[in-house]
Amino acid sequence: MTKTSRPAPKLIVGLGNPGADYSETRHNAGFWFCERMADKLGAVFRHESRFHGLVAKAGNGMWLLMPETFMNRSGQSVGALARFYRIAPEEILVVHDELDLPPGQARLKFGGGLGGHNGLKDISAHSGTHDYWRLRLGIGHPGDRNAVVGFVLKRPGREEQALIEAAIERALEAWPDIERGAYDAATQKINARIARSKEAK
């Protein structure tokens, strides 16, 4: 099956940790995307205890979800909503922070490895497959694997934040392509590398 023949997503999941202590940390980049998308679509989040998260109906049978289970139990929330609405894994787009990409870069991909991301690990465990869409938002890497936990749970600097927000905006601009299942076109737009001079700011 080609990318262009895949169904449009019915569930957009933003990964992050709940609570004010985490809201501005790098690990919450997925939440930032979902919040921006809800604003763009005029959707309103509400707490749904049966889905263990904040849920918004975005029209055309599509849902936005921000799990409130903490990152390493994201699959509990995703699995509950997907089962209830009979949403297949290939109809799910998970948006998450990505250590292996610099701030300002983003990648749209289907399936593949989990890159050690605990949120993805739990979603795959609950769904029984890696075959769902991911939107990876670059946050950069601290350079030392032992410093990763502290790094993702801290706020990015002002320049980094601006670059991450620019990547989110680029992904939102590609949303019409994703919505109609034109993943080739969306991937070209989202995965485009920003100019080196902008990365260096």
N, C-alpha and C. Protein backbone atom coordinates (compact mmCIF):
# COMPACT_ATOMS: atom_id res chain seq x y z
N MET A 1 0.84 -1.20 0.00
CA MET A 1 0.00 0.00 0.00
C MET A 1 0.87 1.24 0.00
N THR A 2 0.63 2.19 -0.86
CA THR A 2 1.43 3.41 -0.92
C THR A 2 0.95 4.41 0.10
N LYS A 3 1.79 5.41 0.37
CA LYS A 3 1.40 6.45 1.31
C LYS A 3 0.13 7.16 0.87
N THR A 4 0.04 7.41 -0.43
CA THR A 4 -1.09 8.18 -0.92
C THR A 4 -2.40 7.43 -0.79
N SER A 5 -2.37 6.08 -0.66
CA SER A 5 -3.59 5.30 -0.57
C SER A 5 -4.02 5.04 0.86
N ARG A 6 -3.25 5.49 1.82
CA ARG A 6 -3.58 5.25 3.22
C ARG A 6 -4.74 6.16 3.64
N PRO A 7 -5.55 5.72 4.61
CA PRO A 7 -6.69 6.53 5.04
C PRO A 7 -6.25 7.76 5.81
N ALA A 8 -7.08 8.80 5.77
CA ALA A 8 -6.82 10.00 6.56
C ALA A 8 -6.95 9.66 8.04
N PRO A 9 -6.23 10.36 8.91
CA PRO A 9 -6.29 10.03 10.34
C PRO A 9 -7.63 10.37 10.97
N LYS A 10 -8.04 9.51 11.89
CA LYS A 10 -9.26 9.76 12.68
C LYS A 10 -8.95 10.13 14.12
N LEU A 11 -7.69 9.92 14.50
CA LEU A 11 -7.26 10.25 15.85
C LEU A 11 -5.88 10.88 15.81
N ILE A 12 -5.79 12.10 16.34
CA ILE A 12 -4.50 12.80 16.48
C ILE A 12 -4.16 12.81 17.95
N VAL A 13 -3.03 12.21 18.29
CA VAL A 13 -2.60 12.10 19.69
C VAL A 13 -1.37 12.98 19.91
N GLY A 14 -1.46 13.89 20.85
CA GLY A 14 -0.29 14.67 21.24
C GLY A 14 0.26 14.09 22.53
N LEU A 15 1.56 13.78 22.57
CA LEU A 15 2.15 13.19 23.77
C LEU A 15 2.78 14.24 24.66
N GLY A 16 2.65 14.01 25.97
CA GLY A 16 3.22 14.93 26.94
C GLY A 16 2.88 14.44 28.34
N ASN A 17 3.18 15.26 29.32
CA ASN A 17 2.84 14.96 30.71
C ASN A 17 1.85 16.00 31.22
N PRO A 18 0.85 15.58 32.00
CA PRO A 18 -0.15 16.53 32.50
C PRO A 18 0.39 17.39 33.64
N GLY A 19 -0.23 18.55 33.82
CA GLY A 19 0.10 19.40 34.96
C GLY A 19 0.96 20.59 34.60
N ALA A 20 0.83 21.64 35.41
CA ALA A 20 1.54 22.89 35.17
C ALA A 20 3.05 22.74 35.24
N ASP A 21 3.53 21.79 36.03
CA ASP A 21 4.99 21.60 36.17
C ASP A 21 5.64 21.14 34.88
N TYR A 22 4.86 20.54 33.98
CA TYR A 22 5.41 19.98 32.75
C TYR A 22 4.99 20.72 31.49
N SER A 23 4.05 21.64 31.60
CA SER A 23 3.40 22.22 30.42
C SER A 23 4.36 22.90 29.45
N GLU A 24 5.46 23.45 29.95
CA GLU A 24 6.38 24.18 29.09
C GLU A 24 7.68 23.42 28.84
N THR A 25 7.71 22.14 29.18
CA THR A 25 8.93 21.35 28.99
C THR A 25 8.99 20.75 27.59
N ARG A 26 10.19 20.40 27.16
CA ARG A 26 10.39 19.86 25.81
C ARG A 26 9.56 18.60 25.56
N HIS A 27 9.39 17.79 26.59
CA HIS A 27 8.67 16.52 26.45
C HIS A 27 7.19 16.74 26.07
N ASN A 28 6.70 17.97 26.20
CA ASN A 28 5.30 18.27 25.93
C ASN A 28 5.07 18.86 24.54
N ALA A 29 6.02 18.70 23.65
CA ALA A 29 5.87 19.26 22.30
C ALA A 29 4.62 18.72 21.61
N GLY A 30 4.28 17.45 21.86
CA GLY A 30 3.07 16.88 21.27
C GLY A 30 1.81 17.57 21.76
N PHE A 31 1.78 17.91 23.04
CA PHE A 31 0.65 18.67 23.59
C PHE A 31 0.56 20.03 22.90
N TRP A 32 1.72 20.68 22.70
CA TRP A 32 1.71 22.01 22.06
C TRP A 32 1.06 21.94 20.69
N PHE A 33 1.40 20.88 19.94
CA PHE A 33 0.82 20.73 18.60
C PHE A 33 -0.70 20.57 18.68
N CYS A 34 -1.17 19.71 19.57
CA CYS A 34 -2.61 19.46 19.67
C CYS A 34 -3.36 20.72 20.11
N GLU A 35 -2.77 21.48 21.00
CA GLU A 35 -3.41 22.72 21.45
C GLU A 35 -3.53 23.71 20.30
N ARG A 36 -2.46 23.83 19.52
CA ARG A 36 -2.49 24.73 18.35
C ARG A 36 -3.49 24.25 17.31
N MET A 37 -3.55 22.94 17.12
CA MET A 37 -4.47 22.38 16.13
C MET A 37 -5.91 22.59 16.55
N ALA A 38 -6.20 22.41 17.85
CA ALA A 38 -7.54 22.65 18.35
C ALA A 38 -7.96 24.10 18.11
N ASP A 39 -7.04 25.02 18.36
CA ASP A 39 -7.33 26.44 18.10
C ASP A 39 -7.64 26.66 16.63
N LYS A 40 -6.86 26.03 15.77
CA LYS A 40 -7.02 26.20 14.33
C LYS A 40 -8.37 25.66 13.85
N LEU A 41 -8.82 24.57 14.45
CA LEU A 41 -10.05 23.91 14.02
C LEU A 41 -11.27 24.34 14.83
N GLY A 42 -11.06 25.17 15.85
CA GLY A 42 -12.17 25.60 16.69
C GLY A 42 -12.70 24.48 17.57
N ALA A 43 -11.84 23.54 17.91
CA ALA A 43 -12.23 22.41 18.76
C ALA A 43 -11.91 22.73 20.23
N VAL A 44 -12.70 22.16 21.13
CA VAL A 44 -12.54 22.43 22.56
C VAL A 44 -12.25 21.13 23.31
N PHE A 45 -11.18 21.12 24.08
CA PHE A 45 -10.82 19.93 24.86
C PHE A 45 -11.68 19.83 26.12
N ARG A 46 -12.03 18.60 26.47
CA ARG A 46 -12.72 18.34 27.73
C ARG A 46 -12.13 17.06 28.32
N HIS A 47 -12.18 16.97 29.64
CA HIS A 47 -11.65 15.77 30.29
C HIS A 47 -12.63 14.62 30.11
N GLU A 48 -12.11 13.47 29.68
CA GLU A 48 -12.91 12.26 29.53
C GLU A 48 -12.25 11.14 30.34
N SER A 49 -12.82 10.84 31.50
CA SER A 49 -12.20 9.85 32.38
C SER A 49 -12.12 8.48 31.73
N ARG A 50 -13.11 8.12 30.88
CA ARG A 50 -13.09 6.80 30.25
C ARG A 50 -11.93 6.66 29.26
N PHE A 51 -11.42 7.81 28.77
CA PHE A 51 -10.29 7.78 27.85
C PHE A 51 -8.99 8.27 28.51
N HIS A 52 -9.05 8.54 29.81
CA HIS A 52 -7.86 8.91 30.58
C HIS A 52 -7.12 10.11 29.96
N GLY A 53 -7.87 11.10 29.50
CA GLY A 53 -7.20 12.24 28.89
C GLY A 53 -8.14 13.36 28.52
N LEU A 54 -7.57 14.36 27.86
CA LEU A 54 -8.33 15.49 27.33
C LEU A 54 -8.65 15.19 25.88
N VAL A 55 -9.93 15.33 25.52
CA VAL A 55 -10.42 14.93 24.20
C VAL A 55 -11.16 16.09 23.55
N ALA A 56 -10.96 16.25 22.25
CA ALA A 56 -11.69 17.26 21.48
C ALA A 56 -12.18 16.64 20.19
N LYS A 57 -13.43 16.92 19.84
CA LYS A 57 -13.98 16.46 18.56
C LYS A 57 -13.70 17.52 17.52
N ALA A 58 -13.04 17.13 16.43
CA ALA A 58 -12.59 18.11 15.45
C ALA A 58 -13.36 18.03 14.13
N GLY A 59 -14.50 17.34 14.11
CA GLY A 59 -15.29 17.25 12.89
C GLY A 59 -14.83 16.13 11.98
N ASN A 60 -15.69 15.73 11.03
CA ASN A 60 -15.38 14.67 10.07
C ASN A 60 -14.96 13.37 10.75
N GLY A 61 -15.52 13.13 11.94
CA GLY A 61 -15.20 11.89 12.64
C GLY A 61 -13.80 11.83 13.20
N MET A 62 -13.14 12.98 13.36
CA MET A 62 -11.76 13.02 13.85
C MET A 62 -11.71 13.51 15.28
N TRP A 63 -10.78 12.94 16.05
CA TRP A 63 -10.62 13.28 17.45
C TRP A 63 -9.19 13.73 17.74
N LEU A 64 -9.07 14.65 18.68
CA LEU A 64 -7.77 15.06 19.22
C LEU A 64 -7.69 14.53 20.65
N LEU A 65 -6.53 14.02 21.03
CA LEU A 65 -6.36 13.42 22.35
C LEU A 65 -5.03 13.83 22.96
N MET A 66 -5.08 14.28 24.22
CA MET A 66 -3.88 14.52 25.01
C MET A 66 -3.98 13.64 26.26
N PRO A 67 -3.29 12.49 26.29
CA PRO A 67 -3.38 11.59 27.45
C PRO A 67 -2.95 12.27 28.74
N GLU A 68 -3.65 11.95 29.82
CA GLU A 68 -3.30 12.47 31.15
C GLU A 68 -2.75 11.37 32.04
N THR A 69 -2.20 10.36 31.42
CA THR A 69 -1.69 9.19 32.14
C THR A 69 -0.20 9.29 32.45
N PHE A 70 0.43 10.38 32.07
CA PHE A 70 1.89 10.53 32.03
C PHE A 70 2.44 9.72 30.87
N MET A 71 3.59 10.15 30.38
CA MET A 71 4.13 9.70 29.11
C MET A 71 4.21 8.18 28.98
N ASN A 72 4.75 7.52 30.01
CA ASN A 72 5.03 6.08 29.86
C ASN A 72 3.80 5.20 29.94
N ARG A 73 2.60 5.82 30.10
CA ARG A 73 1.35 5.03 30.07
C ARG A 73 0.39 5.60 29.02
N SER A 74 0.93 6.25 28.01
CA SER A 74 0.11 6.87 26.97
C SER A 74 -0.77 5.87 26.25
N GLY A 75 -0.30 4.65 26.11
CA GLY A 75 -1.06 3.63 25.39
C GLY A 75 -2.39 3.30 26.03
N GLN A 76 -2.48 3.45 27.35
CA GLN A 76 -3.74 3.20 28.04
C GLN A 76 -4.83 4.14 27.53
N SER A 77 -4.47 5.40 27.37
CA SER A 77 -5.42 6.41 26.89
C SER A 77 -5.73 6.21 25.41
N VAL A 78 -4.70 6.06 24.61
CA VAL A 78 -4.87 5.89 23.16
C VAL A 78 -5.69 4.64 22.86
N GLY A 79 -5.36 3.55 23.54
CA GLY A 79 -6.06 2.29 23.31
C GLY A 79 -7.53 2.38 23.67
N ALA A 80 -7.85 3.06 24.78
CA ALA A 80 -9.24 3.18 25.21
C ALA A 80 -10.08 3.93 24.18
N LEU A 81 -9.57 5.06 23.68
CA LEU A 81 -10.35 5.84 22.71
C LEU A 81 -10.43 5.12 21.37
N ALA A 82 -9.33 4.54 20.93
CA ALA A 82 -9.31 3.86 19.63
C ALA A 82 -10.26 2.67 19.62
N ARG A 83 -10.30 1.92 20.70
CA ARG A 83 -11.21 0.78 20.76
C ARG A 83 -12.66 1.24 20.76
N PHE A 84 -12.96 2.28 21.53
CA PHE A 84 -14.35 2.75 21.66
C PHE A 84 -14.89 3.23 20.31
N TYR A 85 -14.07 3.96 19.56
CA TYR A 85 -14.52 4.50 18.27
C TYR A 85 -14.09 3.64 17.08
N ARG A 86 -13.52 2.49 17.37
CA ARG A 86 -13.11 1.54 16.33
C ARG A 86 -12.18 2.20 15.30
N ILE A 87 -11.15 2.82 15.84
CA ILE A 87 -10.14 3.49 15.01
C ILE A 87 -8.95 2.55 14.86
N ALA A 88 -8.60 2.25 13.63
CA ALA A 88 -7.49 1.34 13.35
C ALA A 88 -6.15 2.04 13.57
N PRO A 89 -5.09 1.29 13.87
CA PRO A 89 -3.78 1.91 14.08
C PRO A 89 -3.33 2.80 12.92
N GLU A 90 -3.60 2.38 11.67
CA GLU A 90 -3.17 3.18 10.52
C GLU A 90 -3.97 4.48 10.37
N GLU A 91 -5.00 4.65 11.20
CA GLU A 91 -5.79 5.88 11.20
C GLU A 91 -5.40 6.80 12.36
N ILE A 92 -4.29 6.48 13.02
CA ILE A 92 -3.81 7.25 14.17
C ILE A 92 -2.53 7.99 13.82
N LEU A 93 -2.45 9.26 14.20
CA LEU A 93 -1.24 10.06 14.06
C LEU A 93 -0.79 10.48 15.46
N VAL A 94 0.40 10.07 15.86
CA VAL A 94 0.95 10.40 17.17
C VAL A 94 2.01 11.49 16.99
N VAL A 95 1.86 12.58 17.72
CA VAL A 95 2.78 13.71 17.63
C VAL A 95 3.63 13.73 18.90
N HIS A 96 4.96 13.74 18.75
CA HIS A 96 5.82 13.63 19.92
C HIS A 96 7.15 14.35 19.72
N ASP A 97 7.82 14.61 20.82
CA ASP A 97 9.15 15.21 20.81
C ASP A 97 10.16 14.18 20.31
N GLU A 98 11.21 14.68 19.65
CA GLU A 98 12.22 13.79 19.06
C GLU A 98 13.62 14.29 19.36
N LEU A 99 14.36 13.53 20.16
CA LEU A 99 15.73 13.88 20.53
C LEU A 99 16.68 13.86 19.35
N ASP A 100 16.44 13.01 18.37
CA ASP A 100 17.38 12.81 17.27
C ASP A 100 17.22 13.83 16.14
N LEU A 101 16.35 14.82 16.33
CA LEU A 101 16.20 15.91 15.37
C LEU A 101 16.46 17.23 16.08
N PRO A 102 17.13 18.18 15.42
CA PRO A 102 17.36 19.49 16.05
C PRO A 102 16.07 20.30 16.09
N PRO A 103 15.98 21.26 16.99
CA PRO A 103 14.81 22.13 17.01
C PRO A 103 14.60 22.79 15.65
N GLY A 104 13.37 22.82 15.20
CA GLY A 104 13.05 23.39 13.89
C GLY A 104 12.83 22.34 12.83
N GLN A 105 13.32 21.12 13.06
CA GLN A 105 13.11 20.03 12.13
C GLN A 105 11.91 19.19 12.57
N ALA A 106 11.21 18.61 11.61
CA ALA A 106 10.10 17.71 11.89
C ALA A 106 10.11 16.61 10.85
N ARG A 107 9.56 15.46 11.20
CA ARG A 107 9.49 14.35 10.27
C ARG A 107 8.15 13.65 10.42
N LEU A 108 7.50 13.43 9.29
CA LEU A 108 6.28 12.65 9.24
C LEU A 108 6.63 11.28 8.69
N LYS A 109 6.25 10.21 9.38
CA LYS A 109 6.60 8.88 8.93
C LYS A 109 5.53 7.89 9.38
N PHE A 110 5.48 6.75 8.70
CA PHE A 110 4.56 5.68 9.07
C PHE A 110 5.35 4.50 9.59
N GLY A 111 5.00 4.03 10.77
CA GLY A 111 5.64 2.85 11.34
C GLY A 111 7.10 3.06 11.63
N GLY A 112 7.83 1.96 11.69
CA GLY A 112 9.26 2.03 11.97
C GLY A 112 9.57 1.85 13.45
N GLY A 113 10.82 2.13 13.81
CA GLY A 113 11.27 1.97 15.19
C GLY A 113 10.69 3.01 16.12
N LEU A 114 10.94 2.81 17.41
CA LEU A 114 10.37 3.68 18.44
C LEU A 114 11.39 4.66 19.01
N GLY A 115 12.66 4.48 18.66
CA GLY A 115 13.69 5.43 19.09
C GLY A 115 13.82 5.58 20.59
N GLY A 116 13.40 4.56 21.35
CA GLY A 116 13.52 4.64 22.80
C GLY A 116 12.49 5.53 23.47
N HIS A 117 11.49 6.01 22.71
CA HIS A 117 10.49 6.93 23.26
C HIS A 117 9.46 6.14 24.06
N ASN A 118 9.35 6.43 25.35
CA ASN A 118 8.48 5.64 26.23
C ASN A 118 7.00 5.76 25.87
N GLY A 119 6.58 6.92 25.38
CA GLY A 119 5.19 7.08 24.97
C GLY A 119 4.86 6.18 23.80
N LEU A 120 5.74 6.14 22.80
CA LEU A 120 5.53 5.27 21.64
C LEU A 120 5.58 3.79 22.05
N LYS A 121 6.49 3.45 22.95
CA LYS A 121 6.59 2.06 23.40
C LYS A 121 5.26 1.58 23.98
N ASP A 122 4.64 2.42 24.80
CA ASP A 122 3.40 2.01 25.44
C ASP A 122 2.24 1.96 24.45
N ILE A 123 2.21 2.89 23.50
CA ILE A 123 1.17 2.87 22.47
C ILE A 123 1.30 1.60 21.63
N SER A 124 2.50 1.26 21.24
CA SER A 124 2.72 0.03 20.46
C SER A 124 2.35 -1.20 21.25
N ALA A 125 2.64 -1.20 22.56
CA ALA A 125 2.31 -2.35 23.40
C ALA A 125 0.80 -2.55 23.48
N HIS A 126 0.06 -1.45 23.59
CA HIS A 126 -1.40 -1.54 23.70
C HIS A 126 -2.06 -1.85 22.37
N SER A 127 -1.49 -1.36 21.28
CA SER A 127 -2.11 -1.56 19.97
C SER A 127 -1.62 -2.82 19.28
N GLY A 128 -0.49 -3.38 19.76
CA GLY A 128 0.05 -4.60 19.18
C GLY A 128 0.74 -4.40 17.84
N THR A 129 1.10 -3.15 17.53
CA THR A 129 1.76 -2.87 16.26
C THR A 129 2.51 -1.55 16.33
N HIS A 130 3.52 -1.40 15.45
CA HIS A 130 4.22 -0.12 15.28
C HIS A 130 3.61 0.65 14.10
N ASP A 131 2.63 0.07 13.44
CA ASP A 131 2.14 0.63 12.17
C ASP A 131 1.07 1.70 12.38
N TYR A 132 1.53 2.87 12.85
CA TYR A 132 0.70 4.05 12.93
C TYR A 132 1.57 5.24 12.54
N TRP A 133 0.94 6.34 12.21
CA TRP A 133 1.70 7.53 11.78
C TRP A 133 2.31 8.24 12.98
N ARG A 134 3.48 8.83 12.74
CA ARG A 134 4.14 9.64 13.78
C ARG A 134 4.56 10.98 13.16
N LEU A 135 4.38 12.02 13.91
CA LEU A 135 4.93 13.33 13.56
C LEU A 135 5.96 13.64 14.64
N ARG A 136 7.23 13.62 14.25
CA ARG A 136 8.34 13.80 15.18
C ARG A 136 8.77 15.26 15.16
N LEU A 137 8.70 15.91 16.31
CA LEU A 137 9.08 17.32 16.44
C LEU A 137 10.44 17.40 17.12
N GLY A 138 11.44 17.89 16.40
CA GLY A 138 12.80 17.93 16.93
C GLY A 138 12.94 18.84 18.13
N ILE A 139 13.62 18.33 19.18
CA ILE A 139 13.92 19.16 20.35
C ILE A 139 15.43 19.20 20.61
N GLY A 140 16.21 18.46 19.81
CA GLY A 140 17.65 18.42 20.03
C GLY A 140 18.03 17.40 21.09
N HIS A 141 19.34 17.22 21.28
CA HIS A 141 19.86 16.22 22.21
C HIS A 141 20.90 16.89 23.12
N PRO A 142 20.93 16.54 24.40
CA PRO A 142 21.90 17.18 25.30
C PRO A 142 23.34 16.73 25.06
N GLY A 143 23.53 15.67 24.26
CA GLY A 143 24.88 15.20 23.96
C GLY A 143 25.35 14.09 24.87
N ASP A 144 24.66 13.88 25.98
CA ASP A 144 25.01 12.84 26.93
C ASP A 144 23.73 12.07 27.25
N ARG A 145 23.72 10.77 26.98
CA ARG A 145 22.51 9.98 27.20
C ARG A 145 22.05 10.00 28.65
N ASN A 146 23.01 10.19 29.58
CA ASN A 146 22.66 10.24 31.00
C ASN A 146 21.96 11.54 31.39
N ALA A 147 22.00 12.52 30.48
CA ALA A 147 21.38 13.82 30.76
C ALA A 147 20.02 13.96 30.09
N VAL A 148 19.58 12.91 29.39
CA VAL A 148 18.35 13.01 28.58
C VAL A 148 17.12 13.32 29.43
N VAL A 149 16.94 12.61 30.56
CA VAL A 149 15.73 12.80 31.37
C VAL A 149 15.61 14.24 31.84
N GLY A 150 16.69 14.78 32.36
CA GLY A 150 16.66 16.17 32.81
C GLY A 150 16.43 17.14 31.66
N PHE A 151 16.97 16.80 30.49
CA PHE A 151 16.85 17.67 29.31
C PHE A 151 15.40 17.75 28.83
N VAL A 152 14.74 16.62 28.67
CA VAL A 152 13.38 16.65 28.13
C VAL A 152 12.39 17.25 29.11
N LEU A 153 12.72 17.23 30.40
CA LEU A 153 11.80 17.75 31.40
C LEU A 153 12.12 19.19 31.80
N LYS A 154 12.88 19.89 30.94
CA LYS A 154 13.16 21.31 31.15
C LYS A 154 12.63 22.12 29.98
N ARG A 155 12.46 23.41 30.20
CA ARG A 155 11.99 24.30 29.15
C ARG A 155 13.10 24.54 28.14
N PRO A 156 12.76 24.62 26.85
CA PRO A 156 13.78 25.00 25.86
C PRO A 156 14.11 26.48 25.99
N GLY A 157 15.27 26.88 25.49
CA GLY A 157 15.62 28.29 25.46
C GLY A 157 14.74 29.05 24.47
N ARG A 158 14.83 30.36 24.48
CA ARG A 158 13.96 31.17 23.63
C ARG A 158 14.14 30.86 22.15
N GLU A 159 15.40 30.72 21.70
CA GLU A 159 15.64 30.43 20.29
C GLU A 159 15.12 29.03 19.91
N GLU A 160 15.37 28.06 20.80
CA GLU A 160 14.88 26.70 20.56
C GLU A 160 13.35 26.68 20.48
N GLN A 161 12.72 27.39 21.40
CA GLN A 161 11.26 27.44 21.43
C GLN A 161 10.71 27.99 20.12
N ALA A 162 11.33 29.05 19.63
CA ALA A 162 10.87 29.65 18.37
C ALA A 162 11.00 28.67 17.21
N LEU A 163 12.08 27.89 17.20
CA LEU A 163 12.29 26.91 16.13
C LEU A 163 11.27 25.77 16.22
N ILE A 164 11.01 25.29 17.43
CA ILE A 164 10.02 24.23 17.61
C ILE A 164 8.64 24.72 17.17
N GLU A 165 8.30 25.95 17.53
CA GLU A 165 7.01 26.51 17.14
C GLU A 165 6.92 26.67 15.62
N ALA A 166 8.03 27.00 14.98
CA ALA A 166 8.04 27.12 13.52
C ALA A 166 7.78 25.76 12.87
N ALA A 167 8.34 24.70 13.45
CA ALA A 167 8.12 23.35 12.92
C ALA A 167 6.66 22.94 13.10
N ILE A 168 6.08 23.28 14.24
CA ILE A 168 4.66 23.00 14.48
C ILE A 168 3.81 23.73 13.46
N GLU A 169 4.13 24.98 13.20
CA GLU A 169 3.36 25.76 12.23
C GLU A 169 3.47 25.16 10.83
N ARG A 170 4.66 24.69 10.47
CA ARG A 170 4.85 24.07 9.16
C ARG A 170 3.99 22.81 9.04
N ALA A 171 3.91 22.05 10.11
CA ALA A 171 3.09 20.84 10.10
C ALA A 171 1.60 21.20 10.00
N LEU A 172 1.19 22.24 10.69
CA LEU A 172 -0.21 22.67 10.61
C LEU A 172 -0.57 23.14 9.21
N GLU A 173 0.37 23.78 8.54
CA GLU A 173 0.12 24.23 7.17
C GLU A 173 -0.06 23.05 6.21
N ALA A 174 0.54 21.92 6.57
CA ALA A 174 0.41 20.72 5.73
C ALA A 174 -0.83 19.90 6.09
N TRP A 175 -1.59 20.35 7.07
CA TRP A 175 -2.73 19.58 7.53
C TRP A 175 -3.75 19.27 6.43
N PRO A 176 -4.09 20.22 5.53
CA PRO A 176 -5.05 19.88 4.47
C PRO A 176 -4.64 18.65 3.66
N ASP A 177 -3.33 18.48 3.45
CA ASP A 177 -2.85 17.29 2.73
C ASP A 177 -3.06 16.03 3.56
N ILE A 178 -2.74 16.10 4.87
CA ILE A 178 -2.92 14.94 5.74
C ILE A 178 -4.40 14.57 5.83
N GLU A 179 -5.24 15.58 5.94
CA GLU A 179 -6.68 15.36 6.11
C GLU A 179 -7.29 14.60 4.93
N ARG A 180 -6.74 14.81 3.73
CA ARG A 180 -7.26 14.10 2.57
C ARG A 180 -6.44 12.85 2.23
N GLY A 181 -5.53 12.50 3.13
CA GLY A 181 -4.74 11.29 2.94
C GLY A 181 -3.60 11.42 1.96
N ALA A 182 -3.27 12.67 1.58
CA ALA A 182 -2.17 12.90 0.63
C ALA A 182 -0.85 12.99 1.40
N TYR A 183 -0.38 11.86 1.90
CA TYR A 183 0.77 11.86 2.79
C TYR A 183 2.08 12.18 2.07
N ASP A 184 2.18 11.85 0.79
CA ASP A 184 3.40 12.20 0.06
C ASP A 184 3.60 13.71 0.05
N ALA A 185 2.53 14.44 -0.27
CA ALA A 185 2.61 15.90 -0.31
C ALA A 185 2.89 16.47 1.08
N ALA A 186 2.22 15.93 2.09
CA ALA A 186 2.43 16.41 3.45
C ALA A 186 3.85 16.16 3.92
N THR A 187 4.38 14.98 3.60
CA THR A 187 5.74 14.63 4.01
C THR A 187 6.77 15.57 3.39
N GLN A 188 6.58 15.91 2.13
CA GLN A 188 7.50 16.85 1.46
C GLN A 188 7.54 18.18 2.19
N LYS A 189 6.38 18.68 2.58
CA LYS A 189 6.31 19.99 3.25
C LYS A 189 6.88 19.94 4.67
N ILE A 190 6.48 18.92 5.42
CA ILE A 190 6.89 18.84 6.82
C ILE A 190 8.36 18.49 6.97
N ASN A 191 8.84 17.57 6.15
CA ASN A 191 10.21 17.08 6.29
C ASN A 191 11.26 18.00 5.67
N ALA A 192 10.82 19.08 5.01
CA ALA A 192 11.76 20.00 4.38
C ALA A 192 12.72 20.57 5.42
N ARG A 193 13.99 20.55 5.11
CA ARG A 193 14.99 21.07 6.04
C ARG A 193 14.99 22.59 6.01
N ILE A 194 15.04 23.18 7.21
CA ILE A 194 15.14 24.63 7.27
C ILE A 194 16.56 25.05 6.93
N ALA A 195 16.74 26.31 6.55
CA ALA A 195 18.05 26.80 6.15
C ALA A 195 19.02 26.71 7.33
N ARG A 196 20.29 26.38 7.00
CA ARG A 196 21.30 26.23 8.05
C ARG A 196 21.44 27.50 8.89
N SER A 197 21.30 28.66 8.25
CA SER A 197 21.45 29.92 8.98
C SER A 197 20.38 30.05 10.05
N LYS A 198 19.19 29.53 9.80
CA LYS A 198 18.13 29.61 10.78
C LYS A 198 18.40 28.65 11.94
N GLU A 199 18.96 27.48 11.63
CA GLU A 199 19.29 26.52 12.68
C GLU A 199 20.32 27.08 13.64
N ALA A 200 21.18 27.92 13.12
CA ALA A 200 22.30 28.40 13.92
C ALA A 200 21.94 29.58 14.80
N LYS A 201 20.72 30.11 14.68
CA LYS A 201 20.35 31.28 15.47
C LYS A 201 20.35 30.97 16.96
